[in-house]
Amino acid sequence: MGQVIIFSAPSGSGKTTIVRELLRRFPRFEFSVSATCRAPRGAERDGVDYHFLTPDEFREAVRADRFVEWEEVYAGCCYGTLRSEVERIW
């Protein structure tokens, strides 16, 4: 099995900028697309920037144990890593 590098930091701290540069420099790296129940912002695309789920879909995925990890980051707004993303990469 491969190795995992996790970038975790507060919103707006530059994680995406760093990860995009690493993906450019190291084509073997893969990006795990997170899931969220918030609405897309600007030009964000489902399955590319995030997997956009409705709050009900997110809760059902939690009940079905489809997340490796998840958290309610803001009131009513959850983010998480789907098992299917980890499986896709590995």
PDB file of N, CA and C in Angstrom:
ATOM      1  N   MET A   1       0.836  -1.169   0.000  1.00  0.00           N
ATOM      2  CA  MET A   1       0.000   0.000   0.000  1.00  0.00           C
ATOM      3  C   MET A   1       0.889   1.243   0.000  1.00  0.00           C
ATOM      4  N   GLY A   2       0.411   2.329  -0.573  1.00  0.00           N
ATOM      5  CA  GLY A   2       1.170   3.565  -0.665  1.00  0.00           C
ATOM      6  C   GLY A   2       1.153   4.368   0.620  1.00  0.00           C
ATOM      7  N   GLN A   3       1.703   5.525   0.533  1.00  0.00           N
ATOM      8  CA  GLN A   3       1.738   6.442   1.664  1.00  0.00           C
ATOM      9  C   GLN A   3       0.707   7.535   1.469  1.00  0.00           C
ATOM     10  N   VAL A   4       0.302   8.148   2.562  1.00  0.00           N
ATOM     11  CA  VAL A   4      -0.684   9.216   2.536  1.00  0.00           C
ATOM     12  C   VAL A   4      -0.048  10.473   3.113  1.00  0.00           C
ATOM     13  N   ILE A   5      -0.261  11.582   2.433  1.00  0.00           N
ATOM     14  CA  ILE A   5       0.158  12.886   2.951  1.00  0.00           C
ATOM     15  C   ILE A   5      -1.120  13.676   3.179  1.00  0.00           C
ATOM     16  N   ILE A   6      -1.295  14.171   4.392  1.00  0.00           N
ATOM     17  CA  ILE A   6      -2.502  14.914   4.738  1.00  0.00           C
ATOM     18  C   ILE A   6      -2.143  16.366   4.995  1.00  0.00           C
ATOM     19  N   PHE A   7      -2.843  17.272   4.306  1.00  0.00           N
ATOM     20  CA  PHE A   7      -2.691  18.697   4.546  1.00  0.00           C
ATOM     21  C   PHE A   7      -3.927  19.157   5.296  1.00  0.00           C
ATOM     22  N   SER A   8      -3.703  19.635   6.498  1.00  0.00           N
ATOM     23  CA  SER A   8      -4.800  20.087   7.337  1.00  0.00           C
ATOM     24  C   SER A   8      -4.430  21.446   7.919  1.00  0.00           C
ATOM     25  N   ALA A   9      -5.309  22.405   7.710  1.00  0.00           N
ATOM     26  CA  ALA A   9      -5.070  23.762   8.208  1.00  0.00           C
ATOM     27  C   ALA A   9      -6.389  24.532   8.119  1.00  0.00           C
ATOM     28  N   PRO A  10      -6.464  25.672   8.788  1.00  0.00           N
ATOM     29  CA  PRO A  10      -7.700  26.464   8.727  1.00  0.00           C
ATOM     30  C   PRO A  10      -8.023  26.922   7.304  1.00  0.00           C
ATOM     31  N   SER A  11      -9.277  27.189   7.083  1.00  0.00           N
ATOM     32  CA  SER A  11      -9.747  27.705   5.804  1.00  0.00           C
ATOM     33  C   SER A  11      -8.981  28.978   5.433  1.00  0.00           C
ATOM     34  N   GLY A  12      -8.568  29.077   4.175  1.00  0.00           N
ATOM     35  CA  GLY A  12      -7.879  30.277   3.700  1.00  0.00           C
ATOM     36  C   GLY A  12      -6.395  30.301   3.990  1.00  0.00           C
ATOM     37  N   SER A  13      -5.824  29.198   4.477  1.00  0.00           N
ATOM     38  CA  SER A  13      -4.414  29.196   4.861  1.00  0.00           C
ATOM     39  C   SER A  13      -3.466  28.826   3.719  1.00  0.00           C
ATOM     40  N   GLY A  14      -4.019  28.423   2.564  1.00  0.00           N
ATOM     41  CA  GLY A  14      -3.167  28.118   1.420  1.00  0.00           C
ATOM     42  C   GLY A  14      -2.985  26.650   1.097  1.00  0.00           C
ATOM     43  N   LYS A  15      -3.785  25.782   1.701  1.00  0.00           N
ATOM     44  CA  LYS A  15      -3.668  24.341   1.438  1.00  0.00           C
ATOM     45  C   LYS A  15      -3.805  24.031  -0.049  1.00  0.00           C
ATOM     46  N   THR A  16      -4.822  24.593  -0.676  1.00  0.00           N
ATOM     47  CA  THR A  16      -5.072  24.301  -2.092  1.00  0.00           C
ATOM     48  C   THR A  16      -3.909  24.739  -2.961  1.00  0.00           C
ATOM     49  N   THR A  17      -3.344  25.884  -2.688  1.00  0.00           N
ATOM     50  CA  THR A  17      -2.197  26.376  -3.460  1.00  0.00           C
ATOM     51  C   THR A  17      -1.017  25.418  -3.349  1.00  0.00           C
ATOM     52  N   ILE A  18      -0.725  24.975  -2.147  1.00  0.00           N
ATOM     53  CA  ILE A  18       0.395  24.044  -1.923  1.00  0.00           C
ATOM     54  C   ILE A  18       0.125  22.710  -2.616  1.00  0.00           C
ATOM     55  N   VAL A  19      -1.071  22.171  -2.443  1.00  0.00           N
ATOM     56  CA  VAL A  19      -1.396  20.874  -3.018  1.00  0.00           C
ATOM     57  C   VAL A  19      -1.369  20.938  -4.545  1.00  0.00           C
ATOM     58  N   ARG A  20      -1.899  21.978  -5.139  1.00  0.00           N
ATOM     59  CA  ARG A  20      -1.860  22.103  -6.607  1.00  0.00           C
ATOM     60  C   ARG A  20      -0.423  22.112  -7.126  1.00  0.00           C
ATOM     61  N   GLU A  21       0.455  22.794  -6.435  1.00  0.00           N
ATOM     62  CA  GLU A  21       1.860  22.829  -6.855  1.00  0.00           C
ATOM     63  C   GLU A  21       2.495  21.450  -6.716  1.00  0.00           C
ATOM     64  N   LEU A  22       2.219  20.754  -5.640  1.00  0.00           N
ATOM     65  CA  LEU A  22       2.756  19.403  -5.468  1.00  0.00           C
ATOM     66  C   LEU A  22       2.234  18.455  -6.549  1.00  0.00           C
ATOM     67  N   LEU A  23       0.965  18.565  -6.887  1.00  0.00           N
ATOM     68  CA  LEU A  23       0.395  17.728  -7.945  1.00  0.00           C
ATOM     69  C   LEU A  23       1.041  18.036  -9.296  1.00  0.00           C
ATOM     70  N   ARG A  24       1.360  19.299  -9.524  1.00  0.00           N
ATOM     71  CA  ARG A  24       2.028  19.685 -10.772  1.00  0.00           C
ATOM     72  C   ARG A  24       3.443  19.100 -10.838  1.00  0.00           C
ATOM     73  N   ARG A  25       4.144  19.169  -9.726  1.00  0.00           N
ATOM     74  CA  ARG A  25       5.538  18.705  -9.690  1.00  0.00           C
ATOM     75  C   ARG A  25       5.680  17.182  -9.614  1.00  0.00           C
ATOM     76  N   PHE A  26       4.701  16.535  -9.018  1.00  0.00           N
ATOM     77  CA  PHE A  26       4.779  15.088  -8.803  1.00  0.00           C
ATOM     78  C   PHE A  26       3.528  14.415  -9.387  1.00  0.00           C
ATOM     79  N   PRO A  27       3.552  14.096 -10.669  1.00  0.00           N
ATOM     80  CA  PRO A  27       2.370  13.535 -11.340  1.00  0.00           C
ATOM     81  C   PRO A  27       1.858  12.224 -10.727  1.00  0.00           C
ATOM     82  N   ARG A  28       2.699  11.515  -9.976  1.00  0.00           N
ATOM     83  CA  ARG A  28       2.257  10.270  -9.316  1.00  0.00           C
ATOM     84  C   ARG A  28       1.301  10.532  -8.165  1.00  0.00           C
ATOM     85  N   PHE A  29       1.330  11.749  -7.624  1.00  0.00           N
ATOM     86  CA  PHE A  29       0.449  12.076  -6.506  1.00  0.00           C
ATOM     87  C   PHE A  29      -0.998  12.118  -7.000  1.00  0.00           C
ATOM     88  N   GLU A  30      -1.912  11.808  -6.100  1.00  0.00           N
ATOM     89  CA  GLU A  30      -3.344  11.865  -6.375  1.00  0.00           C
ATOM     90  C   GLU A  30      -3.999  12.785  -5.356  1.00  0.00           C
ATOM     91  N   PHE A  31      -5.118  13.364  -5.742  1.00  0.00           N
ATOM     92  CA  PHE A  31      -5.851  14.275  -4.878  1.00  0.00           C
ATOM     93  C   PHE A  31      -7.170  13.636  -4.464  1.00  0.00           C
ATOM     94  N   SER A  32      -7.420  13.592  -3.190  1.00  0.00           N
ATOM     95  CA  SER A  32      -8.680  13.082  -2.666  1.00  0.00           C
ATOM     96  C   SER A  32      -9.679  14.230  -2.600  1.00  0.00           C
ATOM     97  N   VAL A  33     -10.763  14.101  -3.339  1.00  0.00           N
ATOM     98  CA  VAL A  33     -11.796  15.137  -3.372  1.00  0.00           C
ATOM     99  C   VAL A  33     -12.698  14.969  -2.151  1.00  0.00           C
ATOM    100  N   SER A  34     -12.751  15.983  -1.321  1.00  0.00           N
ATOM    101  CA  SER A  34     -13.568  15.945  -0.104  1.00  0.00           C
ATOM    102  C   SER A  34     -15.052  16.087  -0.437  1.00  0.00           C
ATOM    103  N   ALA A  35     -15.891  15.664   0.488  1.00  0.00           N
ATOM    104  CA  ALA A  35     -17.338  15.834   0.377  1.00  0.00           C
ATOM    105  C   ALA A  35     -17.772  16.945   1.320  1.00  0.00           C
ATOM    106  N   THR A  36     -18.825  17.646   0.925  1.00  0.00           N
ATOM    107  CA  THR A  36     -19.381  18.689   1.772  1.00  0.00           C
ATOM    108  C   THR A  36     -20.872  18.800   1.517  1.00  0.00           C
ATOM    109  N   CYS A  37     -21.596  19.346   2.487  1.00  0.00           N
ATOM    110  CA  CYS A  37     -23.022  19.580   2.269  1.00  0.00           C
ATOM    111  C   CYS A  37     -23.307  21.064   2.033  1.00  0.00           C
ATOM    112  N   ARG A  38     -22.273  21.852   1.842  1.00  0.00           N
ATOM    113  CA  ARG A  38     -22.495  23.260   1.487  1.00  0.00           C
ATOM    114  C   ARG A  38     -22.702  23.373  -0.019  1.00  0.00           C
ATOM    115  N   ALA A  39     -23.233  24.492  -0.438  1.00  0.00           N
ATOM    116  CA  ALA A  39     -23.462  24.744  -1.862  1.00  0.00           C
ATOM    117  C   ALA A  39     -22.142  25.114  -2.548  1.00  0.00           C
ATOM    118  N   PRO A  40     -22.026  24.814  -3.841  1.00  0.00           N
ATOM    119  CA  PRO A  40     -20.816  25.216  -4.579  1.00  0.00           C
ATOM    120  C   PRO A  40     -20.656  26.735  -4.575  1.00  0.00           C
ATOM    121  N   ARG A  41     -19.410  27.172  -4.600  1.00  0.00           N
ATOM    122  CA  ARG A  41     -19.089  28.602  -4.653  1.00  0.00           C
ATOM    123  C   ARG A  41     -18.431  28.905  -5.994  1.00  0.00           C
ATOM    124  N   GLY A  42     -18.831  29.999  -6.610  1.00  0.00           N
ATOM    125  CA  GLY A  42     -18.191  30.423  -7.857  1.00  0.00           C
ATOM    126  C   GLY A  42     -18.219  29.338  -8.912  1.00  0.00           C
ATOM    127  N   ALA A  43     -17.021  28.998  -9.416  1.00  0.00           N
ATOM    128  CA  ALA A  43     -16.890  28.016 -10.496  1.00  0.00           C
ATOM    129  C   ALA A  43     -16.599  26.605  -9.993  1.00  0.00           C
ATOM    130  N   GLU A  44     -16.801  26.333  -8.698  1.00  0.00           N
ATOM    131  CA  GLU A  44     -16.539  24.994  -8.163  1.00  0.00           C
ATOM    132  C   GLU A  44     -17.405  23.967  -8.882  1.00  0.00           C
ATOM    133  N   ARG A  45     -16.795  22.799  -9.139  1.00  0.00           N
ATOM    134  CA  ARG A  45     -17.486  21.734  -9.857  1.00  0.00           C
ATOM    135  C   ARG A  45     -17.575  20.479  -8.998  1.00  0.00           C
ATOM    136  N   ASP A  46     -18.747  19.856  -9.067  1.00  0.00           N
ATOM    137  CA  ASP A  46     -18.975  18.625  -8.321  1.00  0.00           C
ATOM    138  C   ASP A  46     -18.049  17.535  -8.831  1.00  0.00           C
ATOM    139  N   GLY A  47     -17.407  16.826  -7.897  1.00  0.00           N
ATOM    140  CA  GLY A  47     -16.507  15.745  -8.254  1.00  0.00           C
ATOM    141  C   GLY A  47     -15.106  16.202  -8.593  1.00  0.00           C
ATOM    142  N   VAL A  48     -14.900  17.504  -8.689  1.00  0.00           N
ATOM    143  CA  VAL A  48     -13.575  18.066  -8.992  1.00  0.00           C
ATOM    144  C   VAL A  48     -13.067  18.831  -7.774  1.00  0.00           C
ATOM    145  N   ASP A  49     -13.832  19.813  -7.350  1.00  0.00           N
ATOM    146  CA  ASP A  49     -13.445  20.621  -6.187  1.00  0.00           C
ATOM    147  C   ASP A  49     -13.935  19.971  -4.896  1.00  0.00           C
ATOM    148  N   TYR A  50     -15.148  19.490  -4.911  1.00  0.00           N
ATOM    149  CA  TYR A  50     -15.772  18.768  -3.797  1.00  0.00           C
ATOM    150  C   TYR A  50     -16.802  17.818  -4.380  1.00  0.00           C
ATOM    151  N   HIS A  51     -17.208  16.843  -3.573  1.00  0.00           N
ATOM    152  CA  HIS A  51     -18.412  16.076  -3.863  1.00  0.00           C
ATOM    153  C   HIS A  51     -19.501  16.800  -3.086  1.00  0.00           C
ATOM    154  N   PHE A  52     -20.370  17.499  -3.801  1.00  0.00           N
ATOM    155  CA  PHE A  52     -21.417  18.285  -3.151  1.00  0.00           C
ATOM    156  C   PHE A  52     -22.628  17.395  -2.875  1.00  0.00           C
ATOM    157  N   LEU A  53     -22.927  17.221  -1.603  1.00  0.00           N
ATOM    158  CA  LEU A  53     -24.054  16.408  -1.162  1.00  0.00           C
ATOM    159  C   LEU A  53     -25.071  17.306  -0.485  1.00  0.00           C
ATOM    160  N   THR A  54     -26.334  16.928  -0.553  1.00  0.00           N
ATOM    161  CA  THR A  54     -27.331  17.635   0.241  1.00  0.00           C
ATOM    162  C   THR A  54     -27.099  17.258   1.709  1.00  0.00           C
ATOM    163  N   PRO A  55     -27.610  18.047   2.631  1.00  0.00           N
ATOM    164  CA  PRO A  55     -27.470  17.655   4.046  1.00  0.00           C
ATOM    165  C   PRO A  55     -28.031  16.256   4.318  1.00  0.00           C
ATOM    166  N   ASP A  56     -29.159  15.909   3.681  1.00  0.00           N
ATOM    167  CA  ASP A  56     -29.727  14.565   3.875  1.00  0.00           C
ATOM    168  C   ASP A  56     -28.806  13.495   3.306  1.00  0.00           C
ATOM    169  N   GLU A  57     -28.230  13.730   2.126  1.00  0.00           N
ATOM    170  CA  GLU A  57     -27.292  12.768   1.535  1.00  0.00           C
ATOM    171  C   GLU A  57     -26.064  12.593   2.417  1.00  0.00           C
ATOM    172  N   PHE A  58     -25.575  13.700   2.988  1.00  0.00           N
ATOM    173  CA  PHE A  58     -24.406  13.630   3.859  1.00  0.00           C
ATOM    174  C   PHE A  58     -24.719  12.794   5.089  1.00  0.00           C
ATOM    175  N   ARG A  59     -25.860  13.075   5.731  1.00  0.00           N
ATOM    176  CA  ARG A  59     -26.251  12.311   6.935  1.00  0.00           C
ATOM    177  C   ARG A  59     -26.404  10.828   6.610  1.00  0.00           C
ATOM    178  N   GLU A  60     -26.988  10.521   5.451  1.00  0.00           N
ATOM    179  CA  GLU A  60     -27.153   9.117   5.060  1.00  0.00           C
ATOM    180  C   GLU A  60     -25.800   8.450   4.841  1.00  0.00           C
ATOM    181  N   ALA A  61     -24.848   9.175   4.237  1.00  0.00           N
ATOM    182  CA  ALA A  61     -23.495   8.630   4.034  1.00  0.00           C
ATOM    183  C   ALA A  61     -22.822   8.370   5.379  1.00  0.00           C
ATOM    184  N   VAL A  62     -23.049   9.235   6.353  1.00  0.00           N
ATOM    185  CA  VAL A  62     -22.508   9.015   7.706  1.00  0.00           C
ATOM    186  C   VAL A  62     -23.122   7.746   8.295  1.00  0.00           C
ATOM    187  N   ARG A  63     -24.444   7.624   8.217  1.00  0.00           N
ATOM    188  CA  ARG A  63     -25.131   6.437   8.756  1.00  0.00           C
ATOM    189  C   ARG A  63     -24.655   5.158   8.081  1.00  0.00           C
ATOM    190  N   ALA A  64     -24.337   5.254   6.778  1.00  0.00           N
ATOM    191  CA  ALA A  64     -23.910   4.075   6.017  1.00  0.00           C
ATOM    192  C   ALA A  64     -22.410   3.814   6.140  1.00  0.00           C
ATOM    193  N   ASP A  65     -21.724   4.599   6.980  1.00  0.00           N
ATOM    194  CA  ASP A  65     -20.285   4.435   7.222  1.00  0.00           C
ATOM    195  C   ASP A  65     -19.468   4.594   5.933  1.00  0.00           C
ATOM    196  N   ARG A  66     -19.862   5.564   5.086  1.00  0.00           N
ATOM    197  CA  ARG A  66     -19.161   5.800   3.824  1.00  0.00           C
ATOM    198  C   ARG A  66     -18.000   6.789   3.965  1.00  0.00           C
ATOM    199  N   PHE A  67     -17.774   7.310   5.161  1.00  0.00           N
ATOM    200  CA  PHE A  67     -16.688   8.265   5.384  1.00  0.00           C
ATOM    201  C   PHE A  67     -15.541   7.634   6.159  1.00  0.00           C
ATOM    202  N   VAL A  68     -14.330   7.988   5.784  1.00  0.00           N
ATOM    203  CA  VAL A  68     -13.141   7.659   6.571  1.00  0.00           C
ATOM    204  C   VAL A  68     -13.124   8.577   7.788  1.00  0.00           C
ATOM    205  N   GLU A  69     -13.458   9.833   7.528  1.00  0.00           N
ATOM    206  CA  GLU A  69     -13.556  10.834   8.589  1.00  0.00           C
ATOM    207  C   GLU A  69     -14.505  11.910   8.113  1.00  0.00           C
ATOM    208  N   TRP A  70     -15.145  12.601   9.067  1.00  0.00           N
ATOM    209  CA  TRP A  70     -16.007  13.731   8.737  1.00  0.00           C
ATOM    210  C   TRP A  70     -16.150  14.606   9.967  1.00  0.00           C
ATOM    211  N   GLU A  71     -16.576  15.827   9.747  1.00  0.00           N
ATOM    212  CA  GLU A  71     -16.723  16.780  10.854  1.00  0.00           C
ATOM    213  C   GLU A  71     -17.734  17.846  10.464  1.00  0.00           C
ATOM    214  N   GLU A  72     -18.517  18.298  11.448  1.00  0.00           N
ATOM    215  CA  GLU A  72     -19.370  19.467  11.247  1.00  0.00           C
ATOM    216  C   GLU A  72     -18.490  20.678  11.548  1.00  0.00           C
ATOM    217  N   VAL A  73     -18.021  21.337  10.502  1.00  0.00           N
ATOM    218  CA  VAL A  73     -17.053  22.421  10.631  1.00  0.00           C
ATOM    219  C   VAL A  73     -17.735  23.714  11.068  1.00  0.00           C
ATOM    220  N   TYR A  74     -18.860  23.994  10.473  1.00  0.00           N
ATOM    221  CA  TYR A  74     -19.700  25.142  10.842  1.00  0.00           C
ATOM    222  C   TYR A  74     -21.088  24.588  11.107  1.00  0.00           C
ATOM    223  N   ALA A  75     -21.899  25.322  11.830  1.00  0.00           N
ATOM    224  CA  ALA A  75     -23.246  24.846  12.151  1.00  0.00           C
ATOM    225  C   ALA A  75     -23.976  24.422  10.874  1.00  0.00           C
ATOM    226  N   GLY A  76     -24.316  23.146  10.795  1.00  0.00           N
ATOM    227  CA  GLY A  76     -25.042  22.616   9.650  1.00  0.00           C
ATOM    228  C   GLY A  76     -24.207  22.394   8.404  1.00  0.00           C
ATOM    229  N   CYS A  77     -22.897  22.620   8.479  1.00  0.00           N
ATOM    230  CA  CYS A  77     -22.022  22.473   7.303  1.00  0.00           C
ATOM    231  C   CYS A  77     -20.924  21.457   7.610  1.00  0.00           C
ATOM    232  N   CYS A  78     -21.029  20.305   6.948  1.00  0.00           N
ATOM    233  CA  CYS A  78     -20.100  19.209   7.206  1.00  0.00           C
ATOM    234  C   CYS A  78     -19.141  18.999   6.040  1.00  0.00           C
ATOM    235  N   TYR A  79     -17.974  18.479   6.366  1.00  0.00           N
ATOM    236  CA  TYR A  79     -16.956  18.105   5.382  1.00  0.00           C
ATOM    237  C   TYR A  79     -16.438  16.731   5.772  1.00  0.00           C
ATOM    238  N   GLY A  80     -15.992  15.959   4.774  1.00  0.00           N
ATOM    239  CA  GLY A  80     -15.441  14.658   5.097  1.00  0.00           C
ATOM    240  C   GLY A  80     -14.748  14.010   3.916  1.00  0.00           C
ATOM    241  N   THR A  81     -14.079  12.886   4.202  1.00  0.00           N
ATOM    242  CA  THR A  81     -13.370  12.103   3.193  1.00  0.00           C
ATOM    243  C   THR A  81     -14.121  10.802   2.975  1.00  0.00           C
ATOM    244  N   LEU A  82     -14.615  10.615   1.766  1.00  0.00           N
ATOM    245  CA  LEU A  82     -15.349   9.402   1.425  1.00  0.00           C
ATOM    246  C   LEU A  82     -14.394   8.211   1.273  1.00  0.00           C
ATOM    247  N   ARG A  83     -14.814   7.065   1.762  1.00  0.00           N
ATOM    248  CA  ARG A  83     -14.027   5.836   1.583  1.00  0.00           C
ATOM    249  C   ARG A  83     -13.772   5.574   0.099  1.00  0.00           C
ATOM    250  N   SER A  84     -14.745   5.881  -0.724  1.00  0.00           N
ATOM    251  CA  SER A  84     -14.606   5.647  -2.161  1.00  0.00           C
ATOM    252  C   SER A  84     -13.455   6.450  -2.757  1.00  0.00           C
ATOM    253  N   GLU A  85     -13.145   7.624  -2.202  1.00  0.00           N
ATOM    254  CA  GLU A  85     -12.008   8.421  -2.687  1.00  0.00           C
ATOM    255  C   GLU A  85     -10.690   7.745  -2.336  1.00  0.00           C
ATOM    256  N   VAL A  86     -10.607   7.246  -1.115  1.00  0.00           N
ATOM    257  CA  VAL A  86      -9.376   6.557  -0.687  1.00  0.00           C
ATOM    258  C   VAL A  86      -9.201   5.283  -1.518  1.00  0.00           C
ATOM    259  N   GLU A  87     -10.277   4.546  -1.731  1.00  0.00           N
ATOM    260  CA  GLU A  87     -10.214   3.328  -2.534  1.00  0.00           C
ATOM    261  C   GLU A  87      -9.838   3.631  -3.986  1.00  0.00           C
ATOM    262  N   ARG A  88     -10.371   4.708  -4.535  1.00  0.00           N
ATOM    263  CA  ARG A  88     -10.055   5.107  -5.917  1.00  0.00           C
ATOM    264  C   ARG A  88      -8.569   5.362  -6.079  1.00  0.00           C
ATOM    265  N   ILE A  89      -7.979   6.029  -5.106  1.00  0.00           N
ATOM    266  CA  ILE A  89      -6.548   6.369  -5.205  1.00  0.00           C
ATOM    267  C   ILE A  89      -5.681   5.137  -4.983  1.00  0.00           C
ATOM    268  N   TRP A  90      -6.010   4.310  -3.986  1.00  0.00           N
ATOM    269  CA  TRP A  90      -5.200   3.128  -3.700  1.00  0.00           C
ATOM    270  C   TRP A  90      -5.488   2.029  -4.687  1.00  0.00           C
TER     271      TRP A  90
END
